[in-house]
Amino acid sequence: MIKNGTLTQTEDGRLFVTEDLPGLKRSQSAAYVTGERYSGQYRWKSDEGYLTGMRSAGNTPVKSDFLPESDSSSLDKKCHTLRNEVLSRIVADINEEEFQRKYRKEYVSSAEIVNGWDARIREFAYAKSRVCSMEHVSQFLIPLVAQFRALVGSCDWEAVNCEQSLDKDVLTDLKCMAETICIWGGVPKADYRDTWKVVRSAVLGRRLNGAPMDSGWTKVASFATDGRENSQTIWDSRVSTSLVSRIDQHLSKEQFEDNCFPDLAIVKPEGKKGSGTRPRQLKHKWKELWRRKSCDWDAHFAGSALVRGIVNILNDPQIGYPPMPGIHKGEKQ
């Protein structure tokens, strides 16, 4: 229990400390402290370290299923439970770990050392300079995402079965959007004639019309599904290496052999000996793909399902992670 303190829960699921404790004030919401659930307990970060405690009597049990059945319908209940548990641990780990931006594998001396998902996002930057911060990147991406969403939403993708099924102007706009996205992502292409195939496959959730997949097309698929129920991530070398390596740490040999993460694969960058700048020491042997040669839709969909689960954990008010920084100053989302 939290020493002499108790917790109460509001109708919308937020948790509150109801007695003054070291480092915590009366009625302070867990959503603004730390508030992750781990092994049935809640933990709050205070001035004197971590305090743990159970929910108050009579509160509704905390949700533990963050992956929709449609994202793991082919797996048994044991695997479905394991996937949820592993994702919850990963989210908690990332929240607690200290983070400092790196540039070319070196820490940026001017960057703050922070922890927490919200602080990590505020510190995000592509390069050494804050010119490439989340705020600056968002200023470029927001209108692009909005335009692409409107364009994709204007088509009946079930009815589209060939290039001639699309209006010529729509087809041209799709190619232009894809080119902009790939150039932004540092993976430009010789041509973009397959854009409609990629968008159709992404929207409908299965590979269609022989649609290609690589580190460029995964970005197009992600933009194309923004705001949709089956929204997809950018499953490239950075994202796949980070998430798979974290999952790897939480799986025993027996759990890995149960194949509860089918189709999940690491996309390898084209660097020295295929390790690029992101080599990892892994306990288990995961499937590997080459970003320009053998990326596949199954890995893209599998990774996206797990990222949707992570988003559900972060957005669950009963767990109490703080709102993520918005794309504009002062805005929360």
C-alpha atoms as a PDB file:
ATOM      1  CA  MET A   1       0.000   0.000   0.000  1.00  0.00           C
ATOM      2  CA  ILE A   2       1.055   3.651  -0.335  1.00  0.00           C
ATOM      3  CA  LYS A   3       2.016   4.092   3.313  1.00  0.00           C
ATOM      4  CA  ASN A   4      -1.052   5.711   4.911  1.00  0.00           C
ATOM      5  CA  GLY A   5      -2.483   7.008   1.678  1.00  0.00           C
ATOM      6  CA  THR A   6      -5.394   5.706  -0.348  1.00  0.00           C
ATOM      7  CA  LEU A   7      -6.471   6.089  -3.939  1.00  0.00           C
ATOM      8  CA  THR A   8      -9.805   6.942  -5.456  1.00  0.00           C
ATOM      9  CA  GLN A   9     -10.921   6.649  -9.040  1.00  0.00           C
ATOM     10  CA  THR A  10     -13.207   9.022 -10.926  1.00  0.00           C
ATOM     11  CA  GLU A  11     -15.861   7.964 -13.426  1.00  0.00           C
ATOM     12  CA  ASP A  12     -13.518   8.681 -16.333  1.00  0.00           C
ATOM     13  CA  GLY A  13     -10.915   6.340 -14.847  1.00  0.00           C
ATOM     14  CA  ARG A  14      -8.399   8.856 -13.444  1.00  0.00           C
ATOM     15  CA  LEU A  15      -6.710   7.961 -10.163  1.00  0.00           C
ATOM     16  CA  PHE A  16      -6.094  10.425  -7.345  1.00  0.00           C
ATOM     17  CA  VAL A  17      -4.027  10.406  -4.166  1.00  0.00           C
ATOM     18  CA  THR A  18      -6.445  11.272  -1.357  1.00  0.00           C
ATOM     19  CA  GLU A  19      -3.943  11.962   1.439  1.00  0.00           C
ATOM     20  CA  ASP A  20      -0.782  14.058   1.536  1.00  0.00           C
ATOM     21  CA  LEU A  21       2.353  11.948   1.057  1.00  0.00           C
ATOM     22  CA  PRO A  22       6.062  12.810   0.671  1.00  0.00           C
ATOM     23  CA  GLY A  23       6.477  14.332  -2.766  1.00  0.00           C
ATOM     24  CA  LEU A  24       2.773  14.054  -3.584  1.00  0.00           C
ATOM     25  CA  LYS A  25       0.019  16.531  -2.792  1.00  0.00           C
ATOM     26  CA  ARG A  26      -3.563  15.754  -1.866  1.00  0.00           C
ATOM     27  CA  SER A  27      -5.763  15.138  -4.951  1.00  0.00           C
ATOM     28  CA  GLN A  28      -2.758  15.026  -7.270  1.00  0.00           C
ATOM     29  CA  SER A  29      -3.746  13.016 -10.318  1.00  0.00           C
ATOM     30  CA  ALA A  30      -1.668   9.993 -11.204  1.00  0.00           C
ATOM     31  CA  ALA A  31      -1.949  11.157 -14.802  1.00  0.00           C
ATOM     32  CA  TYR A  32       0.407  14.004 -13.934  1.00  0.00           C
ATOM     33  CA  VAL A  33       2.839  12.044 -11.744  1.00  0.00           C
ATOM     34  CA  THR A  34       3.770   8.733 -13.371  1.00  0.00           C
ATOM     35  CA  GLY A  35       0.935   6.296 -12.912  1.00  0.00           C
ATOM     36  CA  GLU A  36       1.780   3.115 -14.738  1.00  0.00           C
ATOM     37  CA  ARG A  37       0.300  -0.264 -13.852  1.00  0.00           C
ATOM     38  CA  TYR A  38       2.740  -3.092 -13.241  1.00  0.00           C
ATOM     39  CA  SER A  39       1.951  -6.506 -11.737  1.00  0.00           C
ATOM     40  CA  GLY A  40      -1.424  -5.282 -10.526  1.00  0.00           C
ATOM     41  CA  GLN A  41       0.032  -2.245  -8.705  1.00  0.00           C
ATOM     42  CA  TYR A  42       0.312   1.441  -9.403  1.00  0.00           C
ATOM     43  CA  ARG A  43       3.553   3.346  -8.959  1.00  0.00           C
ATOM     44  CA  TRP A  44       3.992   7.086  -8.513  1.00  0.00           C
ATOM     45  CA  LYS A  45       7.282   8.867  -8.846  1.00  0.00           C
ATOM     46  CA  SER A  46       7.785  11.155  -5.868  1.00  0.00           C
ATOM     47  CA  ASP A  47      10.572  13.308  -4.464  1.00  0.00           C
ATOM     48  CA  GLU A  48      11.638  10.375  -2.310  1.00  0.00           C
ATOM     49  CA  GLY A  49      11.565   7.673  -4.976  1.00  0.00           C
ATOM     50  CA  TYR A  50       8.778   5.344  -5.998  1.00  0.00           C
ATOM     51  CA  LEU A  51       5.626   4.721  -3.977  1.00  0.00           C
ATOM     52  CA  THR A  52       3.445   1.743  -4.790  1.00  0.00           C
ATOM     53  CA  GLY A  53      -0.096   0.822  -3.882  1.00  0.00           C
ATOM     54  CA  MET A  54      -3.165  -1.126  -4.889  1.00  0.00           C
ATOM     55  CA  ARG A  55      -6.411   0.354  -6.163  1.00  0.00           C
ATOM     56  CA  SER A  56      -8.980   1.468  -3.597  1.00  0.00           C
ATOM     57  CA  ALA A  57     -11.626  -1.082  -2.716  1.00  0.00           C
ATOM     58  CA  GLY A  58     -14.604  -1.083  -5.052  1.00  0.00           C
ATOM     59  CA  ASN A  59     -12.791   0.380  -8.047  1.00  0.00           C
ATOM     60  CA  THR A  60     -13.309  -1.090 -11.478  1.00  0.00           C
ATOM     61  CA  PRO A  61     -10.509  -3.540 -12.451  1.00  0.00           C
ATOM     62  CA  VAL A  62      -7.869  -2.001 -14.669  1.00  0.00           C
ATOM     63  CA  LYS A  63      -8.018  -2.957 -18.332  1.00  0.00           C
ATOM     64  CA  SER A  64      -5.281  -5.399 -19.376  1.00  0.00           C
ATOM     65  CA  ASP A  65      -6.259  -6.077 -23.002  1.00  0.00           C
ATOM     66  CA  PHE A  66      -4.875  -3.440 -25.338  1.00  0.00           C
ATOM     67  CA  LEU A  67      -4.648  -5.458 -28.538  1.00  0.00           C
ATOM     68  CA  PRO A  68      -7.968  -5.850 -30.371  1.00  0.00           C
ATOM     69  CA  GLU A  69      -8.855  -9.444 -31.165  1.00  0.00           C
ATOM     70  CA  SER A  70      -8.669  -8.551 -34.860  1.00  0.00           C
ATOM     71  CA  ASP A  71      -4.944  -7.835 -34.386  1.00  0.00           C
ATOM     72  CA  SER A  72      -4.240 -11.301 -32.971  1.00  0.00           C
ATOM     73  CA  SER A  73      -7.233 -13.367 -34.057  1.00  0.00           C
ATOM     74  CA  SER A  74      -5.049 -16.257 -35.227  1.00  0.00           C
ATOM     75  CA  LEU A  75      -3.363 -16.628 -31.814  1.00  0.00           C
ATOM     76  CA  ASP A  76      -4.526 -18.563 -28.770  1.00  0.00           C
ATOM     77  CA  LYS A  77      -5.482 -16.907 -25.501  1.00  0.00           C
ATOM     78  CA  LYS A  78      -2.081 -17.599 -23.939  1.00  0.00           C
ATOM     79  CA  CYS A  79      -0.292 -15.725 -26.719  1.00  0.00           C
ATOM     80  CA  HIS A  80      -2.796 -12.872 -26.658  1.00  0.00           C
ATOM     81  CA  THR A  81      -2.173 -12.448 -22.912  1.00  0.00           C
ATOM     82  CA  LEU A  82       1.601 -12.597 -23.336  1.00  0.00           C
ATOM     83  CA  ARG A  83       1.557  -9.953 -26.066  1.00  0.00           C
ATOM     84  CA  ASN A  84      -0.415  -7.589 -23.819  1.00  0.00           C
ATOM     85  CA  GLU A  85       1.896  -8.187 -20.856  1.00  0.00           C
ATOM     86  CA  VAL A  86       5.066  -7.635 -22.884  1.00  0.00           C
ATOM     87  CA  LEU A  87       3.746  -4.398 -24.412  1.00  0.00           C
ATOM     88  CA  SER A  88       2.737  -3.089 -20.966  1.00  0.00           C
ATOM     89  CA  ARG A  89       6.237  -3.771 -19.647  1.00  0.00           C
ATOM     90  CA  ILE A  90       7.877  -2.094 -22.626  1.00  0.00           C
ATOM     91  CA  VAL A  91       5.740   1.026 -22.229  1.00  0.00           C
ATOM     92  CA  ALA A  92       6.617   1.164 -18.511  1.00  0.00           C
ATOM     93  CA  ASP A  93      10.334   0.622 -19.239  1.00  0.00           C
ATOM     94  CA  ILE A  94      10.456   3.455 -21.761  1.00  0.00           C
ATOM     95  CA  ASN A  95       8.602   5.716 -19.348  1.00  0.00           C
ATOM     96  CA  GLU A  96      11.130   5.141 -16.542  1.00  0.00           C
ATOM     97  CA  GLU A  97      14.386   5.088 -18.514  1.00  0.00           C
ATOM     98  CA  GLU A  98      16.506   8.203 -18.641  1.00  0.00           C
ATOM     99  CA  PHE A  99      16.726   9.622 -22.136  1.00  0.00           C
ATOM    100  CA  GLN A 100      19.172  11.989 -23.784  1.00  0.00           C
ATOM    101  CA  ARG A 101      19.244  12.730 -27.481  1.00  0.00           C
ATOM    102  CA  LYS A 102      22.039  11.252 -29.558  1.00  0.00           C
ATOM    103  CA  TYR A 103      23.491  12.320 -32.872  1.00  0.00           C
ATOM    104  CA  ARG A 104      25.511   9.749 -34.804  1.00  0.00           C
ATOM    105  CA  LYS A 105      25.730   7.569 -31.696  1.00  0.00           C
ATOM    106  CA  GLU A 106      27.102  10.411 -29.550  1.00  0.00           C
ATOM    107  CA  TYR A 107      25.089  12.137 -26.815  1.00  0.00           C
ATOM    108  CA  VAL A 108      24.223  15.756 -27.575  1.00  0.00           C
ATOM    109  CA  SER A 109      25.818  17.638 -24.689  1.00  0.00           C
ATOM    110  CA  SER A 110      23.317  20.489 -24.864  1.00  0.00           C
ATOM    111  CA  ALA A 111      20.319  18.129 -24.676  1.00  0.00           C
ATOM    112  CA  GLU A 112      18.528  17.612 -21.369  1.00  0.00           C
ATOM    113  CA  ILE A 113      18.427  14.244 -19.628  1.00  0.00           C
ATOM    114  CA  VAL A 114      14.744  13.422 -19.159  1.00  0.00           C
ATOM    115  CA  ASN A 115      12.414  10.526 -18.503  1.00  0.00           C
ATOM    116  CA  GLY A 116       8.764   9.900 -19.299  1.00  0.00           C
ATOM    117  CA  TRP A 117       7.053   9.518 -22.661  1.00  0.00           C
ATOM    118  CA  ASP A 118       5.910  13.125 -22.769  1.00  0.00           C
ATOM    119  CA  ALA A 119       9.379  14.485 -22.001  1.00  0.00           C
ATOM    120  CA  ARG A 120      10.967  12.208 -24.597  1.00  0.00           C
ATOM    121  CA  ILE A 121       8.675  13.564 -27.278  1.00  0.00           C
ATOM    122  CA  ARG A 122       9.436  17.135 -26.281  1.00  0.00           C
ATOM    123  CA  GLU A 123      13.146  16.340 -26.611  1.00  0.00           C
ATOM    124  CA  PHE A 124      12.739  14.607 -29.962  1.00  0.00           C
ATOM    125  CA  ALA A 125      14.904  15.859 -32.826  1.00  0.00           C
ATOM    126  CA  TYR A 126      16.255  14.215 -35.947  1.00  0.00           C
ATOM    127  CA  ALA A 127      19.660  15.825 -35.702  1.00  0.00           C
ATOM    128  CA  LYS A 128      21.962  17.688 -33.348  1.00  0.00           C
ATOM    129  CA  SER A 129      20.115  20.950 -33.809  1.00  0.00           C
ATOM    130  CA  ARG A 130      16.642  21.621 -32.408  1.00  0.00           C
ATOM    131  CA  VAL A 131      15.756  22.861 -35.900  1.00  0.00           C
ATOM    132  CA  CYS A 132      14.723  19.253 -36.520  1.00  0.00           C
ATOM    133  CA  SER A 133      12.527  19.077 -33.395  1.00  0.00           C
ATOM    134  CA  MET A 134       9.057  17.579 -33.265  1.00  0.00           C
ATOM    135  CA  GLU A 135       7.552  21.058 -33.494  1.00  0.00           C
ATOM    136  CA  HIS A 136       9.422  21.884 -36.675  1.00  0.00           C
ATOM    137  CA  VAL A 137       8.829  18.478 -38.262  1.00  0.00           C
ATOM    138  CA  SER A 138       5.135  18.732 -37.413  1.00  0.00           C
ATOM    139  CA  GLN A 139       4.814  22.060 -39.175  1.00  0.00           C
ATOM    140  CA  PHE A 140       5.801  20.281 -42.368  1.00  0.00           C
ATOM    141  CA  LEU A 141       3.878  17.052 -41.780  1.00  0.00           C
ATOM    142  CA  ILE A 142       0.504  18.337 -40.527  1.00  0.00           C
ATOM    143  CA  PRO A 143      -0.706  19.808 -43.833  1.00  0.00           C
ATOM    144  CA  LEU A 144       0.751  16.863 -45.758  1.00  0.00           C
ATOM    145  CA  VAL A 145      -1.075  14.331 -43.589  1.00  0.00           C
ATOM    146  CA  ALA A 146      -4.323  16.309 -43.900  1.00  0.00           C
ATOM    147  CA  GLN A 147      -4.065  16.458 -47.697  1.00  0.00           C
ATOM    148  CA  PHE A 148      -3.233  12.779 -47.998  1.00  0.00           C
ATOM    149  CA  ARG A 149      -6.050  11.767 -45.666  1.00  0.00           C
ATOM    150  CA  ALA A 150      -8.569  13.745 -47.721  1.00  0.00           C
ATOM    151  CA  LEU A 151      -7.248  12.320 -50.974  1.00  0.00           C
ATOM    152  CA  VAL A 152      -7.325   8.720 -49.759  1.00  0.00           C
ATOM    153  CA  GLY A 153     -10.751   9.227 -48.227  1.00  0.00           C
ATOM    154  CA  SER A 154     -12.172  10.391 -51.552  1.00  0.00           C
ATOM    155  CA  CYS A 155     -11.784   6.922 -53.110  1.00  0.00           C
ATOM    156  CA  ASP A 156     -13.717   3.671 -52.767  1.00  0.00           C
ATOM    157  CA  TRP A 157     -10.738   1.346 -52.443  1.00  0.00           C
ATOM    158  CA  GLU A 158     -12.836  -1.815 -52.459  1.00  0.00           C
ATOM    159  CA  ALA A 159     -14.004  -0.883 -55.963  1.00  0.00           C
ATOM    160  CA  VAL A 160     -10.533   0.038 -57.242  1.00  0.00           C
ATOM    161  CA  ASN A 161      -8.980  -2.941 -59.025  1.00  0.00           C
ATOM    162  CA  CYS A 162      -6.669  -1.338 -61.545  1.00  0.00           C
ATOM    163  CA  GLU A 163      -4.993   1.957 -62.335  1.00  0.00           C
ATOM    164  CA  GLN A 164      -7.762   2.880 -64.748  1.00  0.00           C
ATOM    165  CA  SER A 165     -10.283   2.674 -61.888  1.00  0.00           C
ATOM    166  CA  LEU A 166      -8.926   5.922 -60.483  1.00  0.00           C
ATOM    167  CA  ASP A 167      -9.458   9.427 -61.755  1.00  0.00           C
ATOM    168  CA  LYS A 168      -6.302  10.656 -63.519  1.00  0.00           C
ATOM    169  CA  ASP A 169      -6.005  13.706 -61.289  1.00  0.00           C
ATOM    170  CA  VAL A 170      -6.317  11.556 -58.167  1.00  0.00           C
ATOM    171  CA  LEU A 171      -3.687   9.183 -59.518  1.00  0.00           C
ATOM    172  CA  THR A 172      -1.317  12.069 -60.213  1.00  0.00           C
ATOM    173  CA  ASP A 173      -1.884  13.567 -56.772  1.00  0.00           C
ATOM    174  CA  LEU A 174      -1.242  10.206 -55.087  1.00  0.00           C
ATOM    175  CA  LYS A 175       2.088   9.876 -56.881  1.00  0.00           C
ATOM    176  CA  CYS A 176       3.088  13.420 -55.946  1.00  0.00           C
ATOM    177  CA  MET A 177       2.199  12.806 -52.295  1.00  0.00           C
ATOM    178  CA  ALA A 178       4.159   9.548 -52.241  1.00  0.00           C
ATOM    179  CA  GLU A 179       7.181  11.262 -53.789  1.00  0.00           C
ATOM    180  CA  THR A 180       7.074  14.018 -51.151  1.00  0.00           C
ATOM    181  CA  ILE A 181       6.831  11.457 -48.343  1.00  0.00           C
ATOM    182  CA  CYS A 182       9.702   9.314 -49.641  1.00  0.00           C
ATOM    183  CA  ILE A 183      11.978  12.310 -50.171  1.00  0.00           C
ATOM    184  CA  TRP A 184      11.146  13.517 -46.646  1.00  0.00           C
ATOM    185  CA  GLY A 185      11.996  10.032 -45.333  1.00  0.00           C
ATOM    186  CA  GLY A 186      15.314   9.918 -47.180  1.00  0.00           C
ATOM    187  CA  VAL A 187      14.279   7.034 -49.427  1.00  0.00           C
ATOM    188  CA  PRO A 188      13.401   8.546 -52.848  1.00  0.00           C
ATOM    189  CA  LYS A 189      12.343   6.252 -55.695  1.00  0.00           C
ATOM    190  CA  ALA A 190      12.893   6.144 -59.425  1.00  0.00           C
ATOM    191  CA  ASP A 191       9.123   6.164 -60.008  1.00  0.00           C
ATOM    192  CA  TYR A 192       5.888   6.048 -58.056  1.00  0.00           C
ATOM    193  CA  ARG A 193       3.592   4.133 -60.394  1.00  0.00           C
ATOM    194  CA  ASP A 194       2.795   1.589 -57.657  1.00  0.00           C
ATOM    195  CA  THR A 195       1.464   4.175 -55.212  1.00  0.00           C
ATOM    196  CA  TRP A 196      -2.189   3.269 -55.763  1.00  0.00           C
ATOM    197  CA  LYS A 197      -1.418  -0.407 -55.051  1.00  0.00           C
ATOM    198  CA  VAL A 198       0.336   0.466 -51.798  1.00  0.00           C
ATOM    199  CA  VAL A 199      -2.448   2.780 -50.645  1.00  0.00           C
ATOM    200  CA  ARG A 200      -5.160   0.236 -51.501  1.00  0.00           C
ATOM    201  CA  SER A 201      -3.328  -2.539 -49.649  1.00  0.00           C
ATOM    202  CA  ALA A 202      -2.758  -0.341 -46.600  1.00  0.00           C
ATOM    203  CA  VAL A 203      -6.366   0.892 -46.402  1.00  0.00           C
ATOM    204  CA  LEU A 204      -7.866  -2.579 -46.842  1.00  0.00           C
ATOM    205  CA  GLY A 205      -5.337  -4.267 -44.555  1.00  0.00           C
ATOM    206  CA  ARG A 206      -3.953  -6.907 -46.919  1.00  0.00           C
ATOM    207  CA  ARG A 207      -1.513  -7.003 -49.788  1.00  0.00           C
ATOM    208  CA  LEU A 208      -3.342  -6.476 -53.086  1.00  0.00           C
ATOM    209  CA  ASN A 209      -2.397  -6.071 -56.737  1.00  0.00           C
ATOM    210  CA  GLY A 210       1.175  -7.171 -56.027  1.00  0.00           C
ATOM    211  CA  ALA A 211       1.882  -4.010 -54.029  1.00  0.00           C
ATOM    212  CA  PRO A 212       5.580  -3.593 -53.164  1.00  0.00           C
ATOM    213  CA  MET A 213       6.878  -2.903 -49.649  1.00  0.00           C
ATOM    214  CA  ASP A 214      10.142  -1.364 -48.481  1.00  0.00           C
ATOM    215  CA  SER A 215      11.344   1.421 -46.177  1.00  0.00           C
ATOM    216  CA  GLY A 216       9.787   4.004 -48.486  1.00  0.00           C
ATOM    217  CA  TRP A 217       6.436   2.352 -49.092  1.00  0.00           C
ATOM    218  CA  THR A 218       5.941   1.680 -45.365  1.00  0.00           C
ATOM    219  CA  LYS A 219       5.979   5.460 -44.861  1.00  0.00           C
ATOM    220  CA  VAL A 220       3.396   5.947 -47.609  1.00  0.00           C
ATOM    221  CA  ALA A 221       1.201   3.232 -46.066  1.00  0.00           C
ATOM    222  CA  SER A 222       1.459   4.908 -42.664  1.00  0.00           C
ATOM    223  CA  PHE A 223       0.417   8.314 -44.018  1.00  0.00           C
ATOM    224  CA  ALA A 224      -2.393   6.728 -46.045  1.00  0.00           C
ATOM    225  CA  THR A 225      -4.012   5.163 -42.963  1.00  0.00           C
ATOM    226  CA  ASP A 226      -3.710   8.124 -40.610  1.00  0.00           C
ATOM    227  CA  GLY A 227      -6.864   8.453 -38.524  1.00  0.00           C
ATOM    228  CA  ARG A 228      -8.213   5.044 -39.576  1.00  0.00           C
ATOM    229  CA  GLU A 229      -9.021   2.150 -37.268  1.00  0.00           C
ATOM    230  CA  ASN A 230      -6.190   0.157 -38.858  1.00  0.00           C
ATOM    231  CA  SER A 231      -3.713   3.052 -38.759  1.00  0.00           C
ATOM    232  CA  GLN A 232      -0.211   1.837 -39.487  1.00  0.00           C
ATOM    233  CA  THR A 233       3.269   2.683 -38.322  1.00  0.00           C
ATOM    234  CA  ILE A 234       6.417   3.341 -40.303  1.00  0.00           C
ATOM    235  CA  TRP A 235       7.999  -0.104 -39.978  1.00  0.00           C
ATOM    236  CA  ASP A 236      11.534   0.759 -41.028  1.00  0.00           C
ATOM    237  CA  SER A 237      14.953  -0.122 -39.594  1.00  0.00           C
ATOM    238  CA  ARG A 238      14.724   2.380 -36.730  1.00  0.00           C
ATOM    239  CA  VAL A 239      11.282   1.418 -35.483  1.00  0.00           C
ATOM    240  CA  SER A 240      11.595  -2.336 -36.052  1.00  0.00           C
ATOM    241  CA  THR A 241      15.014  -2.562 -34.387  1.00  0.00           C
ATOM    242  CA  SER A 242      13.896  -0.592 -31.347  1.00  0.00           C
ATOM    243  CA  LEU A 243      10.625  -2.451 -30.750  1.00  0.00           C
ATOM    244  CA  VAL A 244      11.827  -5.978 -31.570  1.00  0.00           C
ATOM    245  CA  SER A 245      14.920  -5.604 -29.387  1.00  0.00           C
ATOM    246  CA  ARG A 246      12.737  -4.552 -26.455  1.00  0.00           C
ATOM    247  CA  ILE A 247      10.315  -7.432 -26.997  1.00  0.00           C
ATOM    248  CA  ASP A 248      13.309  -9.774 -27.209  1.00  0.00           C
ATOM    249  CA  GLN A 249      14.438  -8.781 -23.708  1.00  0.00           C
ATOM    250  CA  HIS A 250      11.123  -9.830 -22.170  1.00  0.00           C
ATOM    251  CA  LEU A 251      10.794 -13.268 -23.784  1.00  0.00           C
ATOM    252  CA  SER A 252      12.165 -16.510 -22.421  1.00  0.00           C
ATOM    253  CA  LYS A 253      13.357 -19.200 -24.833  1.00  0.00           C
ATOM    254  CA  GLU A 254      10.080 -21.083 -24.375  1.00  0.00           C
ATOM    255  CA  GLN A 255       7.965 -17.965 -24.923  1.00  0.00           C
ATOM    256  CA  PHE A 256       9.880 -17.087 -28.092  1.00  0.00           C
ATOM    257  CA  GLU A 257       9.399 -20.614 -29.428  1.00  0.00           C
ATOM    258  CA  ASP A 258       5.639 -20.330 -28.818  1.00  0.00           C
ATOM    259  CA  ASN A 259       5.689 -17.861 -31.754  1.00  0.00           C
ATOM    260  CA  CYS A 260       3.359 -15.349 -30.143  1.00  0.00           C
ATOM    261  CA  PHE A 261       4.764 -12.604 -32.372  1.00  0.00           C
ATOM    262  CA  PRO A 262       4.365 -14.168 -35.819  1.00  0.00           C
ATOM    263  CA  ASP A 263       5.483 -12.179 -38.873  1.00  0.00           C
ATOM    264  CA  LEU A 264       7.400  -9.708 -36.720  1.00  0.00           C
ATOM    265  CA  ALA A 265      10.758  -8.924 -38.335  1.00  0.00           C
ATOM    266  CA  ILE A 266      13.682  -6.528 -38.114  1.00  0.00           C
ATOM    267  CA  VAL A 267      14.304  -4.361 -41.156  1.00  0.00           C
ATOM    268  CA  LYS A 268      18.054  -4.172 -41.673  1.00  0.00           C
ATOM    269  CA  PRO A 269      19.648  -0.919 -42.842  1.00  0.00           C
ATOM    270  CA  GLU A 270      22.281  -1.028 -45.542  1.00  0.00           C
ATOM    271  CA  GLY A 271      25.342  -0.244 -43.483  1.00  0.00           C
ATOM    272  CA  LYS A 272      28.573  -1.969 -42.659  1.00  0.00           C
ATOM    273  CA  LYS A 273      27.989  -5.732 -42.465  1.00  0.00           C
ATOM    274  CA  GLY A 274      24.276  -5.012 -42.612  1.00  0.00           C
ATOM    275  CA  SER A 275      24.162  -3.598 -39.096  1.00  0.00           C
ATOM    276  CA  GLY A 276      24.069   0.063 -40.050  1.00  0.00           C
ATOM    277  CA  THR A 277      24.107   2.368 -37.046  1.00  0.00           C
ATOM    278  CA  ARG A 278      21.666   0.266 -35.019  1.00  0.00           C
ATOM    279  CA  PRO A 279      23.304  -3.085 -34.098  1.00  0.00           C
ATOM    280  CA  ARG A 280      21.600  -4.955 -31.230  1.00  0.00           C
ATOM    281  CA  GLN A 281      22.555  -7.952 -29.120  1.00  0.00           C
ATOM    282  CA  LEU A 282      19.471 -10.178 -29.189  1.00  0.00           C
ATOM    283  CA  LYS A 283      18.711 -13.334 -27.239  1.00  0.00           C
ATOM    284  CA  HIS A 284      16.575 -14.848 -29.970  1.00  0.00           C
ATOM    285  CA  LYS A 285      16.783 -15.302 -33.726  1.00  0.00           C
ATOM    286  CA  TRP A 286      14.268 -12.998 -35.398  1.00  0.00           C
ATOM    287  CA  LYS A 287      13.431 -12.823 -39.057  1.00  0.00           C
ATOM    288  CA  GLU A 288      15.459 -10.170 -40.882  1.00  0.00           C
ATOM    289  CA  LEU A 289      14.510  -8.137 -43.940  1.00  0.00           C
ATOM    290  CA  TRP A 290      16.541  -5.812 -46.138  1.00  0.00           C
ATOM    291  CA  ARG A 291      14.956  -2.405 -46.472  1.00  0.00           C
ATOM    292  CA  ARG A 292      15.266  -2.149 -50.253  1.00  0.00           C
ATOM    293  CA  LYS A 293      14.986  -5.822 -51.174  1.00  0.00           C
ATOM    294  CA  SER A 294      12.895  -8.073 -48.966  1.00  0.00           C
ATOM    295  CA  CYS A 295      10.597  -5.988 -46.754  1.00  0.00           C
ATOM    296  CA  ASP A 296       7.153  -7.538 -46.622  1.00  0.00           C
ATOM    297  CA  TRP A 297       3.597  -6.547 -45.838  1.00  0.00           C
ATOM    298  CA  ASP A 298       3.214  -9.179 -43.107  1.00  0.00           C
ATOM    299  CA  ALA A 299       5.972  -7.536 -41.042  1.00  0.00           C
ATOM    300  CA  HIS A 300       4.516  -4.081 -41.700  1.00  0.00           C
ATOM    301  CA  PHE A 301       1.051  -5.172 -40.506  1.00  0.00           C
ATOM    302  CA  ALA A 302       2.441  -7.106 -37.522  1.00  0.00           C
ATOM    303  CA  GLY A 303       4.528  -4.178 -36.312  1.00  0.00           C
ATOM    304  CA  SER A 304       1.637  -1.776 -36.809  1.00  0.00           C
ATOM    305  CA  ALA A 305      -0.662  -3.928 -34.651  1.00  0.00           C
ATOM    306  CA  LEU A 306       1.810  -3.757 -31.771  1.00  0.00           C
ATOM    307  CA  VAL A 307       2.219   0.009 -32.093  1.00  0.00           C
ATOM    308  CA  ARG A 308      -1.586   0.378 -31.967  1.00  0.00           C
ATOM    309  CA  GLY A 309      -1.459  -1.608 -28.717  1.00  0.00           C
ATOM    310  CA  ILE A 310       1.175   0.759 -27.304  1.00  0.00           C
ATOM    311  CA  VAL A 311      -0.991   3.751 -28.244  1.00  0.00           C
ATOM    312  CA  ASN A 312      -3.955   2.149 -26.450  1.00  0.00           C
ATOM    313  CA  ILE A 313      -1.855   1.713 -23.291  1.00  0.00           C
ATOM    314  CA  LEU A 314      -0.681   5.320 -23.340  1.00  0.00           C
ATOM    315  CA  ASN A 315      -4.222   6.595 -23.928  1.00  0.00           C
ATOM    316  CA  ASP A 316      -5.886   4.488 -21.233  1.00  0.00           C
ATOM    317  CA  PRO A 317      -6.981   6.869 -18.422  1.00  0.00           C
ATOM    318  CA  GLN A 318      -6.979   4.063 -15.851  1.00  0.00           C
ATOM    319  CA  ILE A 319      -3.242   3.621 -16.260  1.00  0.00           C
ATOM    320  CA  GLY A 320      -2.604   7.340 -16.055  1.00  0.00           C
ATOM    321  CA  TYR A 321       0.242   8.170 -18.410  1.00  0.00           C
ATOM    322  CA  PRO A 322       0.383  11.934 -18.960  1.00  0.00           C
ATOM    323  CA  PRO A 323      -1.042  13.373 -22.173  1.00  0.00           C
ATOM    324  CA  MET A 324       1.534  13.481 -24.928  1.00  0.00           C
ATOM    325  CA  PRO A 325       2.772  16.918 -26.024  1.00  0.00           C
ATOM    326  CA  GLY A 326       0.658  18.290 -28.846  1.00  0.00           C
ATOM    327  CA  ILE A 327       1.832  19.342 -32.255  1.00  0.00           C
ATOM    328  CA  HIS A 328       1.374  22.997 -31.378  1.00  0.00           C
ATOM    329  CA  LYS A 329       2.671  24.830 -28.358  1.00  0.00           C
ATOM    330  CA  GLY A 330       0.531  24.317 -25.290  1.00  0.00           C
ATOM    331  CA  GLU A 331      -1.657  21.712 -26.962  1.00  0.00           C
ATOM    332  CA  LYS A 332      -2.134  18.248 -25.452  1.00  0.00           C
ATOM    333  CA  GLN A 333      -3.361  15.133 -27.202  1.00  0.00           C
END
